[in-house]
C-alpha cells in the first residue's frame, strides 16, 4: 500500500523531524545561556527549498505552472553557529515559532490521515 505514504506525508514527516531537531538545538541554547563562551546555534535548510525545487520543477505546457517537486524523503539541513552569545528573547521567539510550525505540520498530517480514513470507509 505505497499510495498511503505519498509525497505529502513524507514531506510533512520530514518537516516534523526537522522541527524536532531544531527544538533540541534551541532548548540547548537556552540551557547553556550562562555557559562561558557558548554561542547560539540553529538548524538551517541547506538549500532544498530553493535549489532542489528549481532543478526538479518542469513546465508541461506553456499555460501551466511548473510541475511537481519530488521529495527525497528527508530534509537536508546543517547546524549553524551565530558566533554570538545566547539572547534569551531571540531564543524564546525561535522556540515559539518552531512550536507553531511543528503543530501546523502535525495538524496537516492529521488531516491527511483523516481524509484517507474517510476514503477507506467509503470504499467498504
Protein backbone atom coordinates (compact mmCIF):
# COMPACT_ATOMS: atom_id res chain seq x y z
CA UNK A 1 0.00 0.00 0.00
CA UNK A 2 2.57 2.50 -1.12
CA UNK A 3 -0.12 5.04 -2.06
CA UNK A 4 -0.78 5.63 1.65
CA UNK A 5 2.63 7.12 2.12
CA UNK A 6 2.69 9.62 -0.68
CA UNK A 7 4.91 12.66 -1.14
CA UNK A 8 2.84 14.90 1.12
CA UNK A 9 3.14 12.54 4.06
CA UNK A 10 6.89 12.11 3.51
CA UNK A 11 7.38 15.87 3.37
CA UNK A 12 5.30 16.50 6.49
CA UNK A 13 7.13 13.75 8.34
CA UNK A 14 10.47 15.24 7.29
CA UNK A 15 9.36 18.68 8.41
CA UNK A 16 8.39 17.30 11.82
CA UNK A 17 11.82 15.66 12.12
CA UNK A 18 13.50 18.95 11.19
CA UNK A 19 11.43 20.91 13.71
CA UNK A 20 12.11 18.34 16.42
CA UNK A 21 15.87 18.61 15.86
CA UNK A 22 15.63 22.41 15.78
CA UNK A 23 13.69 22.33 19.07
CA UNK A 24 16.54 20.38 20.67
CA UNK A 25 19.10 22.94 19.49
CA UNK A 26 17.05 25.90 20.70
CA UNK A 27 16.49 24.36 24.14
CA UNK A 28 20.20 23.55 24.29
CA UNK A 29 20.94 27.22 23.63
CA UNK A 30 18.61 28.23 26.46
CA UNK A 31 20.13 25.66 28.83
CA UNK A 32 23.64 26.95 28.08
CA UNK A 33 22.82 30.65 28.43
CA UNK A 34 25.21 31.02 31.39
CA UNK A 35 27.97 28.84 29.94
CA UNK A 36 31.07 30.95 29.24
CA UNK A 37 31.99 31.28 25.56
CA UNK A 38 28.92 29.31 24.41
CA UNK A 39 27.47 30.71 21.18
CA UNK A 40 23.93 30.28 19.85
CA UNK A 41 23.34 27.55 17.28
CA UNK A 42 20.44 26.96 14.92
CA UNK A 43 19.38 24.46 12.28
CA UNK A 44 19.08 25.74 8.72
CA UNK A 45 17.99 24.24 5.40
CA UNK A 46 20.84 23.52 3.03
CA UNK A 47 19.04 24.90 0.02
CA UNK A 48 16.50 22.11 -0.52
CA UNK A 49 13.64 24.53 -0.78
CA UNK A 50 15.27 26.76 -3.36
CA UNK A 51 17.87 24.83 -5.33
CA UNK A 52 16.30 21.36 -5.44
CA UNK A 53 12.85 22.66 -6.32
CA UNK A 54 14.24 24.65 -9.22
CA UNK A 55 16.10 21.58 -10.51
CA UNK A 56 13.09 19.28 -10.31
CA UNK A 57 10.25 21.55 -11.39
CA UNK A 58 9.34 21.38 -15.06
CA UNK A 59 6.71 23.03 -17.19
CA UNK A 60 4.50 20.63 -19.14
CA UNK A 61 2.63 23.29 -21.09
CA UNK A 62 3.22 26.99 -21.61
CA UNK A 63 -0.05 27.75 -19.80
CA UNK A 64 0.78 25.59 -16.78
CA UNK A 65 2.63 26.38 -13.65
CA UNK A 66 5.82 24.34 -13.17
CA UNK A 67 5.44 20.60 -12.44
CA UNK A 68 5.79 18.54 -9.29
CA UNK A 69 8.52 18.64 -6.69
CA UNK A 70 9.81 15.16 -5.89
CA UNK A 71 10.59 14.87 -2.18
CA UNK A 72 13.54 12.64 -1.39
CA UNK A 73 12.02 11.75 1.98
CA UNK A 74 14.44 13.78 4.06
CA UNK A 75 15.30 17.40 4.51
CA UNK A 76 18.96 18.25 4.24
CA UNK A 77 19.97 20.71 6.94
CA UNK A 78 23.02 21.87 8.83
CA UNK A 79 23.79 23.32 12.25
CA UNK A 80 24.95 26.92 12.01
CA UNK A 81 26.76 28.84 14.71
CA UNK A 82 25.88 32.52 15.04
CA UNK A 83 29.13 33.34 16.81
CA UNK A 84 27.19 35.48 19.29
CA UNK A 85 26.15 34.91 22.88
CA UNK A 86 22.73 33.44 23.52
CA UNK A 87 19.97 36.06 23.66
CA UNK A 88 17.02 34.75 25.66
CA UNK A 89 14.49 36.89 23.77
CA UNK A 90 15.69 35.60 20.39
CA UNK A 91 15.72 32.01 21.59
CA UNK A 92 12.23 32.22 23.07
CA UNK A 93 10.96 33.73 19.82
CA UNK A 94 12.63 30.93 17.83
CA UNK A 95 11.15 28.36 20.21
CA UNK A 96 7.62 29.78 19.85
CA UNK A 97 7.92 29.95 16.06
CA UNK A 98 9.26 26.39 15.86
CA UNK A 99 6.47 25.17 18.14
CA UNK A 100 3.82 26.72 15.88
CA UNK A 101 5.43 25.22 12.77
CA UNK A 102 5.57 21.78 14.39
CA UNK A 103 1.92 21.99 15.44
CA UNK A 104 0.95 23.05 11.92
CA UNK A 105 2.80 20.05 10.46
CA UNK A 106 1.08 17.72 12.92
CA UNK A 107 -2.31 19.21 12.05
CA UNK A 108 -1.71 18.85 8.31
CA UNK A 109 -0.56 15.25 8.73
CA UNK A 110 -3.62 14.53 10.88
CA UNK A 111 -5.90 15.97 8.20
CA UNK A 112 -4.21 13.85 5.56
CA UNK A 113 -4.72 10.69 7.62
CA UNK A 114 -8.31 11.66 8.37
CA UNK A 115 -9.04 12.09 4.66
CA UNK A 116 -7.54 8.65 3.98
CA UNK A 117 -9.76 7.18 6.71
CA UNK A 118 -12.82 8.71 5.05
CA UNK A 119 -11.81 7.30 1.66
CA UNK A 120 -11.29 3.82 3.12
CA UNK A 121 -14.60 3.89 4.97
CA UNK A 122 -16.43 4.92 1.78
CA UNK A 123 -14.79 2.12 -0.22
CA UNK A 124 -16.27 -0.56 2.06
